[in-house]
Amino acid sequence: MTYFKELIIAVIAVIAIVISLTLPGGLDHSQSLTFGIVLITLGLWATGIVPGYVASTFFFTALLLLNLAPPTAVFSGFSSAAMWLVMTGFIIGAAITHSGLGVRIGALAQPHLSKSYPMLIGGLMLIGVLMGFIMPSSMGRAAVLIPVGMALADVLGLEKGSKGRSGVAVVIAFGTNMPSFAILPSNIPNIVMSGMAERTWGLHFGYADYLLLHYPVLGIVKGIAIVLLVLFYFPAKIAVTPPAPAATAPHAARRQAILLGILLITVAFWATDQFHGINAAWIGLATALVLMVPQFGFLPPPVFKGAIDFGVLLFVSGALALGAVVTSTGLGPVIAKHVISVMPLEEGRQFLNFVSLSTLGIITGVFTTMAGLPAVLGPMAQDLAKATGFSIEAVMMTQVIGFSTVFFPYQISPLIVAMGLAGESTRPLLKMTLSLVVLTFLVFIPLDYLWWHLLGWI
C-alpha cells in the first residue's frame, strides 16, 4: 500500500512539474508554480505518506521561498478565527477529560446508549445532529461531545486501537459537522455562501427556506447513511452490562459542576450568536482563558502542556491557508472557468445541469477548501444561471451540495480536529469521505433534484 501511495505522489509530482513548465490554460508563471505546489500538497494530504503537518510545512516553505504568495496569505490560517476555535477546542476537551466530567456524563448517558453498539453510534449521531441546531460551530460541537463520547467508549470497553473506538470518534466527527451544512448558521461555508449571495446578488436566504430545501436529504438521509457506513466499516460489540463508574470525590464533583456551568454558559453564547454578534471563536477563547487559570484547577499547567496537538494545528493552518493562497493568486477563478468550459451545461436539460453544477462545486472544493468555495463560484452565478436556465438562487444553492461533499478529509478541518481531540488516527476518515462521494452521485444528488423540483426551485 505504501508503494502505491508513493507511486501516486510521484505521478502528481510529474504532473505538477509539467504544469509549472508549460503554463497551461492561460496561467502565468507564478500561477503555474503555485498550482504545482498545491497539487503536491493535496497529494501528500490525501495519501498520508507523510504526516499532515509535514505537508503543510512544505506548502508554506515552497510558497515563501519562491515568493509566490505574501506571508499574510500563506500564514492566514494562523490568524483565522477557525484556528483559535481549534485551540480552544483542545483546551475545553482537556478540561472535560481532566476533571472527569466526560466520564460522568458518559455514565449518565450509558443506560440510554449502551444497549447495543448500533444504538451507541445512532445515539451519538442524533446528539451531534441536535447540537447543530443550537451551536453555530462544528468545532465547538466536537469539542463538547468528543470527551463525552470517548469517556463513554472507555466505560463500554471499547479500547484504544479498536474499531469500535474509532467508530465512536468518526461518528462524532461527521455527526457534529455534515448534517449541519443543511442548517444556515451552523457551519462557516453556509455563512460565507449566504453573505456572498447577499453582497453580490442582493439575495437573502431565510433560515426556514434553507432548512426545508437542504435538510431532508443532506441532513436526514445523509445522517442515516453516515451511521450505516460507520457500522459497516467499524463493527464492534459492547458489554451489555458495563461496569459502574467509580464514586466521585466531593471536591471533584464540585469542580465538575462548576465546569458544567461554564460550558452551559458557553453553549448559550454560541447558540445566540445572531443576537450578540460575537464570533464563536472569541467566545471559546474567553472560556479557554477561564479554564487555563491555574488557581481554578480546571487545567493545571502540566495538563495544559500535553493538551494541544501542535501537529494538528499546523495541518489545519495549511488547510485554511490553501483557499486564501488560491484566491490571492487568482487561481480559483481560472480553475473554475476551465472546469465550466468542459461541463455539459445547456438550457432545458435540467437534471444534467443540476448534476453539473453540483459536480462543479465538489471539484472546486478540492482546490479551494470548503469555506473558499463560495468566494470562487459566487461571482460566476449569473453566467451559470444563463447557461443552465436556472435562477441565480438555485445556482447559489447548488454550492451547498458542493461544499458538503468532500473527497479528502483535509477539505473540512473540523473532521481532522475532532479525530485529534479523540486521540484517534485520521486514516479512517478517507474511506468515509470517498464512500459518501459515491453515495452523493448515486443517491443524494438524484434525491435532491427530485426534492428541489417538487418545491419548484428548478
Protein backbone atom coordinates (compact mmCIF):
# COMPACT_ATOMS: atom_id res chain seq x y z
CA MET A 1 0.00 0.00 0.00
CA THR A 2 2.88 2.36 0.81
CA TYR A 3 4.40 1.74 -2.63
CA PHE A 4 1.06 2.56 -4.24
CA LYS A 5 0.89 5.84 -2.32
CA GLU A 6 4.45 6.67 -3.31
CA LEU A 7 3.54 6.00 -6.94
CA ILE A 8 0.58 8.37 -6.67
CA ILE A 9 2.81 11.10 -5.23
CA ALA A 10 5.38 10.52 -7.99
CA VAL A 11 2.70 10.86 -10.67
CA ILE A 12 1.32 14.02 -9.04
CA ALA A 13 4.84 15.47 -8.79
CA VAL A 14 5.45 14.83 -12.50
CA ILE A 15 2.11 16.46 -13.39
CA ALA A 16 2.96 19.42 -11.14
CA ILE A 17 6.35 19.87 -12.83
CA VAL A 18 4.78 19.71 -16.30
CA ILE A 19 2.17 22.30 -15.30
CA SER A 20 4.87 24.55 -13.84
CA LEU A 21 6.94 24.41 -17.05
CA THR A 22 4.24 24.53 -19.74
CA LEU A 23 1.95 27.30 -18.40
CA PRO A 24 -1.32 25.60 -19.48
CA GLY A 25 -4.69 27.27 -19.86
CA GLY A 26 -3.54 30.86 -19.73
CA LEU A 27 -1.83 30.54 -16.35
CA ASP A 28 1.12 32.84 -15.82
CA HIS A 29 4.43 31.53 -14.44
CA SER A 30 3.58 32.35 -10.81
CA GLN A 31 0.15 30.72 -11.02
CA SER A 32 1.59 27.59 -12.68
CA LEU A 33 4.18 27.15 -9.94
CA THR A 34 1.54 27.74 -7.27
CA PHE A 35 -0.80 25.22 -8.90
CA GLY A 36 2.01 22.66 -8.95
CA ILE A 37 2.73 23.20 -5.25
CA VAL A 38 -0.99 22.95 -4.46
CA LEU A 39 -1.24 19.64 -6.34
CA ILE A 40 1.72 18.14 -4.49
CA THR A 41 0.35 19.34 -1.14
CA LEU A 42 -3.08 17.88 -1.90
CA GLY A 43 -1.43 14.60 -2.84
CA LEU A 44 0.54 14.49 0.41
CA TRP A 45 -2.56 15.26 2.46
CA ALA A 46 -4.70 12.74 0.59
CA THR A 47 -2.28 9.81 0.71
CA GLY A 48 -0.94 10.41 4.21
CA ILE A 49 2.50 9.30 3.06
CA VAL A 50 3.88 11.95 5.43
CA PRO A 51 2.10 13.48 8.44
CA GLY A 52 -0.30 16.31 7.60
CA TYR A 53 1.82 18.87 9.41
CA VAL A 54 4.83 17.98 7.22
CA ALA A 55 2.75 18.56 4.08
CA SER A 56 1.55 21.91 5.46
CA THR A 57 5.11 22.95 6.24
CA PHE A 58 6.15 22.03 2.68
CA PHE A 59 3.27 24.18 1.41
CA PHE A 60 4.38 27.18 3.49
CA THR A 61 8.07 26.79 2.67
CA ALA A 62 7.70 26.32 -1.08
CA LEU A 63 5.42 29.32 -1.48
CA LEU A 64 7.66 31.61 0.57
CA LEU A 65 11.00 30.50 -0.89
CA LEU A 66 9.68 31.01 -4.43
CA ASN A 67 7.93 34.27 -3.45
CA LEU A 68 4.64 33.06 -4.92
CA ALA A 69 2.32 34.45 -2.24
CA PRO A 70 2.65 37.06 0.51
CA PRO A 71 3.20 35.85 4.09
CA THR A 72 -0.18 37.32 5.03
CA ALA A 73 -1.86 34.80 2.71
CA VAL A 74 0.50 31.89 3.43
CA PHE A 75 0.04 32.22 7.20
CA SER A 76 -3.57 33.38 7.08
CA GLY A 77 -4.65 30.13 8.70
CA PHE A 78 -2.89 31.08 11.93
CA SER A 79 -4.81 34.34 12.19
CA SER A 80 -8.21 32.91 11.29
CA ALA A 81 -10.98 32.58 13.83
CA ALA A 82 -11.23 28.89 12.94
CA MET A 83 -7.66 28.29 14.14
CA TRP A 84 -8.42 29.81 17.54
CA LEU A 85 -11.58 27.74 17.73
CA VAL A 86 -9.41 24.67 17.20
CA MET A 87 -7.11 25.81 20.01
CA THR A 88 -9.99 26.41 22.40
CA GLY A 89 -11.46 23.05 21.44
CA PHE A 90 -8.30 21.31 22.65
CA ILE A 91 -8.40 23.26 25.91
CA ILE A 92 -12.11 22.63 26.58
CA GLY A 93 -11.72 18.96 25.74
CA ALA A 94 -8.69 18.60 28.04
CA ALA A 95 -10.56 20.28 30.90
CA ILE A 96 -13.56 17.98 30.44
CA THR A 97 -11.28 14.94 30.44
CA HIS A 98 -9.04 16.04 33.34
CA SER A 99 -11.95 16.95 35.59
CA GLY A 100 -13.68 13.62 35.00
CA LEU A 101 -16.77 15.40 33.69
CA GLY A 102 -16.65 13.44 30.44
CA VAL A 103 -16.68 10.14 32.31
CA ARG A 104 -19.54 11.31 34.50
CA ILE A 105 -21.70 12.49 31.59
CA GLY A 106 -20.83 9.29 29.75
CA ALA A 107 -22.01 7.29 32.74
CA LEU A 108 -25.31 9.20 32.75
CA ALA A 109 -25.77 8.57 29.03
CA GLN A 110 -24.71 4.95 29.39
CA PRO A 111 -28.14 3.42 30.19
CA HIS A 112 -29.61 5.00 27.05
CA LEU A 113 -26.78 4.26 24.62
CA SER A 114 -25.25 1.03 25.91
CA LYS A 115 -27.93 -1.46 24.89
CA SER A 116 -26.08 -2.19 21.65
CA TYR A 117 -23.29 -0.81 19.50
CA PRO A 118 -25.72 0.36 16.76
CA MET A 119 -27.70 2.23 19.43
CA LEU A 120 -24.47 3.85 20.68
CA ILE A 121 -23.48 5.01 17.19
CA GLY A 122 -27.01 6.12 16.29
CA GLY A 123 -27.44 7.93 19.61
CA LEU A 124 -24.17 9.85 19.25
CA MET A 125 -25.17 10.85 15.71
CA LEU A 126 -28.55 12.08 16.97
CA ILE A 127 -26.89 14.15 19.70
CA GLY A 128 -24.49 15.66 17.15
CA VAL A 129 -27.38 16.48 14.82
CA LEU A 130 -29.40 18.15 17.57
CA MET A 131 -26.39 20.18 18.68
CA GLY A 132 -26.22 21.56 15.13
CA PHE A 133 -29.45 23.45 15.80
CA ILE A 134 -28.18 25.22 18.93
CA MET A 135 -24.43 25.63 18.41
CA PRO A 136 -23.11 27.52 15.36
CA SER A 137 -19.62 25.99 15.39
CA SER A 138 -18.91 22.41 14.31
CA MET A 139 -15.55 22.57 16.10
CA GLY A 140 -17.31 23.75 19.23
CA ARG A 141 -19.78 20.88 18.96
CA ALA A 142 -16.93 18.41 18.57
CA ALA A 143 -15.04 19.94 21.50
CA VAL A 144 -18.03 19.36 23.77
CA LEU A 145 -19.11 15.92 22.52
CA ILE A 146 -15.77 14.19 21.84
CA PRO A 147 -14.67 13.93 25.51
CA VAL A 148 -18.10 12.60 26.42
CA GLY A 149 -18.09 10.07 23.60
CA MET A 150 -14.59 8.81 24.34
CA ALA A 151 -15.36 8.53 28.05
CA LEU A 152 -18.43 6.50 27.11
CA ALA A 153 -16.23 4.32 24.90
CA ASP A 154 -13.97 3.68 27.90
CA VAL A 155 -16.92 2.71 30.08
CA LEU A 156 -18.23 0.32 27.43
CA GLY A 157 -14.89 -1.42 26.94
CA LEU A 158 -14.00 -0.01 23.51
CA GLU A 159 -10.25 0.04 23.95
CA LYS A 160 -7.65 2.23 22.27
CA GLY A 161 -6.92 0.95 18.78
CA SER A 162 -10.19 -0.95 18.46
CA LYS A 163 -12.57 -0.47 15.53
CA GLY A 164 -15.39 0.37 17.90
CA ARG A 165 -13.48 3.24 19.48
CA SER A 166 -12.57 4.57 16.01
CA GLY A 167 -16.25 4.29 15.08
CA VAL A 168 -17.26 6.43 18.06
CA ALA A 169 -14.75 9.13 17.09
CA VAL A 170 -15.74 9.01 13.42
CA VAL A 171 -19.49 9.26 14.02
CA ILE A 172 -18.99 12.26 16.31
CA ALA A 173 -16.66 13.92 13.78
CA PHE A 174 -19.20 13.50 10.97
CA GLY A 175 -22.32 13.91 13.11
CA THR A 176 -21.28 17.27 14.51
CA ASN A 177 -20.38 18.54 11.04
CA MET A 178 -22.02 17.01 7.96
CA PRO A 179 -25.76 17.39 8.72
CA SER A 180 -25.12 20.99 9.82
CA PHE A 181 -24.36 22.05 6.25
CA ALA A 182 -28.15 21.94 5.87
CA ILE A 183 -28.67 24.44 8.71
CA LEU A 184 -27.93 28.01 7.63
CA PRO A 185 -25.94 29.46 10.56
CA SER A 186 -24.30 26.24 11.72
CA ASN A 187 -21.18 25.94 9.52
CA ILE A 188 -18.74 28.51 8.14
CA PRO A 189 -19.26 27.73 4.39
CA ASN A 190 -23.03 28.19 4.82
CA ILE A 191 -22.50 31.66 6.24
CA VAL A 192 -19.90 32.59 3.60
CA MET A 193 -22.23 31.48 0.79
CA SER A 194 -25.17 33.39 2.26
CA GLY A 195 -23.06 36.53 2.70
CA MET A 196 -21.67 36.23 -0.84
CA ALA A 197 -25.20 35.91 -2.27
CA GLU A 198 -26.36 38.98 -0.37
CA ARG A 199 -23.34 41.17 -1.19
CA THR A 200 -23.03 40.16 -4.84
CA TRP A 201 -26.57 39.49 -5.98
CA GLY A 202 -28.79 41.05 -3.30
CA LEU A 203 -30.25 37.68 -2.35
CA HIS A 204 -31.35 36.78 1.17
CA PHE A 205 -31.79 33.15 2.17
CA GLY A 206 -34.15 32.64 5.10
CA TYR A 207 -33.45 30.08 7.81
CA ALA A 208 -36.65 28.10 7.19
CA ASP A 209 -36.33 28.12 3.38
CA TYR A 210 -32.71 26.96 3.56
CA LEU A 211 -33.62 24.22 6.05
CA LEU A 212 -36.58 22.99 4.00
CA LEU A 213 -34.54 22.86 0.81
CA HIS A 214 -31.49 21.04 2.17
CA TYR A 215 -32.25 19.20 5.41
CA PRO A 216 -34.44 16.33 4.16
CA VAL A 217 -31.60 14.94 2.00
CA LEU A 218 -28.33 16.48 3.25
CA GLY A 219 -29.40 16.33 6.88
CA ILE A 220 -31.66 13.31 7.44
CA VAL A 221 -30.83 10.91 4.59
CA LYS A 222 -27.12 11.67 4.72
CA GLY A 223 -27.10 11.32 8.51
CA ILE A 224 -28.64 7.85 8.26
CA ALA A 225 -26.08 6.93 5.59
CA ILE A 226 -23.22 8.03 7.87
CA VAL A 227 -24.50 5.80 10.69
CA LEU A 228 -24.78 2.81 8.35
CA LEU A 229 -21.27 3.41 6.95
CA VAL A 230 -19.78 3.62 10.45
CA LEU A 231 -21.47 0.37 11.44
CA PHE A 232 -20.17 -1.25 8.25
CA TYR A 233 -16.56 -0.02 8.44
CA PHE A 234 -16.14 -0.11 12.22
CA PRO A 235 -18.11 -3.10 13.54
CA ALA A 236 -17.90 -3.79 17.25
CA LYS A 237 -19.73 -5.20 20.23
CA ILE A 238 -20.13 -3.62 23.62
CA ALA A 239 -20.72 -5.11 27.03
CA VAL A 240 -24.43 -5.45 27.77
CA THR A 241 -23.84 -4.71 31.44
CA PRO A 242 -20.79 -2.42 31.58
CA PRO A 243 -19.10 -1.73 34.92
CA ALA A 244 -20.47 1.07 37.05
CA PRO A 245 -18.31 4.20 37.27
CA ALA A 246 -16.28 4.82 40.41
CA ALA A 247 -17.63 7.16 43.03
CA THR A 248 -16.70 10.81 42.62
CA ALA A 249 -14.95 12.67 45.44
CA PRO A 250 -16.89 15.70 46.78
CA HIS A 251 -14.30 18.28 45.69
CA ALA A 252 -14.12 16.72 42.21
CA ALA A 253 -17.91 16.74 41.97
CA ARG A 254 -17.97 20.47 42.82
CA ARG A 255 -15.34 21.23 40.18
CA GLN A 256 -17.28 19.19 37.62
CA ALA A 257 -20.49 21.07 38.46
CA ILE A 258 -18.75 24.43 38.04
CA LEU A 259 -17.17 23.31 34.77
CA LEU A 260 -20.55 22.13 33.51
CA GLY A 261 -21.98 25.55 34.37
CA ILE A 262 -19.17 27.27 32.43
CA LEU A 263 -19.80 25.02 29.43
CA LEU A 264 -23.54 25.67 29.52
CA ILE A 265 -22.89 29.42 29.53
CA THR A 266 -20.50 28.96 26.61
CA VAL A 267 -23.07 26.93 24.67
CA ALA A 268 -25.71 29.58 25.42
CA PHE A 269 -23.48 32.28 23.93
CA TRP A 270 -22.68 30.05 20.94
CA ALA A 271 -26.36 29.39 20.36
CA THR A 272 -27.31 33.08 20.46
CA ASP A 273 -24.52 34.49 18.29
CA GLN A 274 -27.04 36.01 15.88
CA PHE A 275 -28.24 38.27 18.68
CA HIS A 276 -24.96 39.43 20.24
CA GLY A 277 -22.73 39.12 17.14
CA ILE A 278 -19.68 37.76 18.98
CA ASN A 279 -17.66 35.28 16.94
CA ALA A 280 -17.85 31.70 18.25
CA ALA A 281 -14.04 31.57 18.37
CA TRP A 282 -13.81 34.56 20.73
CA ILE A 283 -16.48 33.06 22.98
CA GLY A 284 -14.42 29.87 23.09
CA LEU A 285 -11.26 31.87 23.76
CA ALA A 286 -12.89 33.52 26.77
CA THR A 287 -13.90 30.11 28.09
CA ALA A 288 -10.38 28.79 27.49
CA LEU A 289 -8.93 31.71 29.44
CA VAL A 290 -11.06 30.85 32.47
CA LEU A 291 -10.14 27.18 32.25
CA MET A 292 -6.41 27.91 31.94
CA VAL A 293 -6.14 29.94 35.17
CA PRO A 294 -4.13 27.54 37.42
CA GLN A 295 -5.81 28.70 40.63
CA PHE A 296 -9.19 27.44 39.38
CA GLY A 297 -7.82 23.92 38.96
CA PHE A 298 -9.60 23.02 35.72
CA LEU A 299 -6.43 22.69 33.67
CA PRO A 300 -3.17 22.62 35.67
CA PRO A 301 -0.02 23.69 33.70
CA PRO A 302 1.29 20.09 33.27
CA VAL A 303 -2.05 19.03 31.79
CA PHE A 304 -2.18 22.11 29.57
CA LYS A 305 1.26 21.34 28.11
CA GLY A 306 0.01 17.99 26.84
CA ALA A 307 -3.44 19.19 25.82
CA ILE A 308 -2.64 20.85 22.49
CA ASP A 309 -1.62 18.84 19.45
CA PHE A 310 0.57 21.27 17.50
CA GLY A 311 0.77 18.82 14.61
CA VAL A 312 -2.98 19.17 14.13
CA LEU A 313 -2.69 22.96 14.38
CA LEU A 314 -0.05 23.04 11.64
CA PHE A 315 -2.16 20.79 9.44
CA VAL A 316 -5.30 22.88 9.97
CA SER A 317 -3.43 26.14 9.33
CA GLY A 318 -2.25 24.76 5.98
CA ALA A 319 -5.74 23.62 5.01
CA LEU A 320 -7.17 27.03 5.92
CA ALA A 321 -4.40 28.89 4.08
CA LEU A 322 -4.78 26.91 0.86
CA GLY A 323 -8.03 28.67 -0.03
CA ALA A 324 -6.52 32.09 0.74
CA VAL A 325 -3.49 31.37 -1.44
CA VAL A 326 -5.59 30.10 -4.34
CA THR A 327 -7.72 33.24 -4.10
CA SER A 328 -4.85 35.72 -3.72
CA THR A 329 -3.00 34.30 -6.74
CA GLY A 330 -6.12 34.29 -8.92
CA LEU A 331 -6.02 30.52 -9.37
CA GLY A 332 -9.57 29.88 -8.16
CA PRO A 333 -11.48 31.59 -10.98
CA VAL A 334 -9.07 30.19 -13.59
CA ILE A 335 -9.61 26.62 -12.38
CA ALA A 336 -13.37 27.09 -12.16
CA LYS A 337 -13.62 28.61 -15.66
CA HIS A 338 -11.69 25.70 -17.17
CA VAL A 339 -13.94 23.23 -15.39
CA ILE A 340 -17.03 25.10 -16.61
CA SER A 341 -15.75 25.01 -20.20
CA VAL A 342 -15.79 21.21 -20.25
CA MET A 343 -19.11 20.77 -18.46
CA PRO A 344 -22.25 19.89 -20.45
CA LEU A 345 -24.31 22.92 -19.45
CA GLU A 346 -27.31 23.52 -21.70
CA GLU A 347 -30.62 25.23 -21.04
CA GLY A 348 -33.51 22.78 -20.89
CA ARG A 349 -31.50 19.78 -19.68
CA GLN A 350 -32.40 20.26 -16.03
CA PHE A 351 -31.09 17.08 -14.43
CA LEU A 352 -27.79 17.19 -16.32
CA ASN A 353 -27.37 20.86 -15.39
CA PHE A 354 -28.14 20.09 -11.76
CA VAL A 355 -25.56 17.30 -11.67
CA SER A 356 -23.01 19.50 -13.46
CA LEU A 357 -23.40 22.43 -11.06
CA SER A 358 -23.18 20.11 -8.06
CA THR A 359 -20.07 18.49 -9.54
CA LEU A 360 -18.54 21.91 -10.20
CA GLY A 361 -18.87 22.74 -6.51
CA ILE A 362 -17.45 19.38 -5.44
CA ILE A 363 -14.40 19.68 -7.72
CA THR A 364 -13.76 23.32 -6.87
CA GLY A 365 -13.80 22.46 -3.18
CA VAL A 366 -10.83 20.14 -3.64
CA PHE A 367 -8.64 23.12 -4.56
CA THR A 368 -10.13 25.94 -2.51
CA THR A 369 -11.31 24.21 0.69
CA MET A 370 -14.98 24.50 1.57
CA ALA A 371 -15.03 27.96 3.11
CA GLY A 372 -13.34 29.36 -0.01
CA LEU A 373 -15.68 27.66 -2.49
CA PRO A 374 -18.47 30.31 -2.37
CA ALA A 375 -15.90 33.08 -2.90
CA VAL A 376 -14.75 31.41 -6.13
CA LEU A 377 -18.11 30.31 -7.57
CA GLY A 378 -20.34 33.08 -6.20
CA PRO A 379 -19.32 35.76 -8.74
CA MET A 380 -19.98 33.28 -11.58
CA ALA A 381 -23.56 32.58 -10.55
CA GLN A 382 -25.14 34.87 -13.15
CA ASP A 383 -23.17 33.31 -16.03
CA LEU A 384 -24.02 29.83 -14.79
CA ALA A 385 -27.68 30.81 -14.49
CA LYS A 386 -27.72 31.96 -18.12
CA ALA A 387 -26.02 28.77 -19.29
CA THR A 388 -28.44 26.48 -17.44
CA GLY A 389 -31.69 28.42 -17.35
CA PHE A 390 -31.76 28.14 -13.54
CA SER A 391 -32.35 31.11 -11.28
CA ILE A 392 -29.34 32.69 -9.58
CA GLU A 393 -30.81 31.49 -6.25
CA ALA A 394 -30.85 27.88 -7.46
CA VAL A 395 -27.30 28.14 -8.80
CA MET A 396 -26.06 29.52 -5.48
CA MET A 397 -27.86 26.80 -3.56
CA THR A 398 -26.14 24.03 -5.54
CA GLN A 399 -22.94 25.18 -3.84
CA VAL A 400 -24.29 23.63 -0.63
CA ILE A 401 -24.15 20.21 -2.29
CA GLY A 402 -20.61 21.07 -3.36
CA PHE A 403 -19.17 22.16 -0.03
CA SER A 404 -20.95 19.40 1.90
CA THR A 405 -19.33 16.71 -0.28
CA VAL A 406 -15.65 16.05 0.33
CA PHE A 407 -13.16 13.74 -1.36
CA PHE A 408 -10.42 14.23 1.21
CA PRO A 409 -10.70 14.92 4.96
CA TYR A 410 -8.33 17.92 4.79
CA GLN A 411 -11.09 19.82 2.96
CA ILE A 412 -13.06 20.11 6.22
CA SER A 413 -10.73 20.85 9.11
CA PRO A 414 -13.33 20.06 11.84
CA LEU A 415 -13.15 16.39 10.82
CA ILE A 416 -9.39 16.36 11.42
CA VAL A 417 -9.71 18.34 14.64
CA ALA A 418 -12.38 16.00 16.03
CA MET A 419 -10.16 12.97 15.48
CA GLY A 420 -7.25 14.83 17.08
CA LEU A 421 -9.37 15.67 20.11
CA ALA A 422 -10.34 11.99 20.34
CA GLY A 423 -6.70 10.89 20.14
CA GLU A 424 -7.53 8.77 17.09
CA SER A 425 -5.84 8.44 13.69
CA THR A 426 -7.33 10.40 10.79
CA ARG A 427 -6.82 7.50 8.38
CA PRO A 428 -10.34 6.04 8.84
CA LEU A 429 -11.83 9.32 7.60
CA LEU A 430 -10.78 8.78 3.97
CA LYS A 431 -12.90 5.68 3.36
CA MET A 432 -15.87 7.50 4.88
CA THR A 433 -15.45 10.60 2.69
CA LEU A 434 -14.93 8.58 -0.51
CA SER A 435 -17.94 6.39 0.27
CA LEU A 436 -20.06 9.48 0.83
CA VAL A 437 -18.88 10.92 -2.51
CA VAL A 438 -20.12 7.76 -4.27
CA LEU A 439 -23.44 7.94 -2.42
CA THR A 440 -23.70 11.64 -3.30
CA PHE A 441 -23.70 10.90 -7.02
CA LEU A 442 -25.79 7.72 -6.79
CA VAL A 443 -28.33 8.75 -4.15
CA PHE A 444 -28.13 12.26 -2.68
CA ILE A 445 -27.95 14.32 -5.90
CA PRO A 446 -30.85 12.45 -7.59
CA LEU A 447 -32.95 12.76 -4.41
CA ASP A 448 -32.05 16.44 -4.11
CA TYR A 449 -33.06 17.02 -7.73
CA LEU A 450 -36.46 15.41 -7.17
CA TRP A 451 -36.98 17.35 -3.93
CA TRP A 452 -35.95 20.69 -5.47
CA HIS A 453 -38.21 20.02 -8.45
CA LEU A 454 -41.10 19.22 -6.11
CA LEU A 455 -40.52 22.51 -4.24
CA GLY A 456 -40.37 24.45 -7.52
CA TRP A 457 -36.74 25.57 -7.24
CA ILE A 458 -35.85 24.09 -10.64
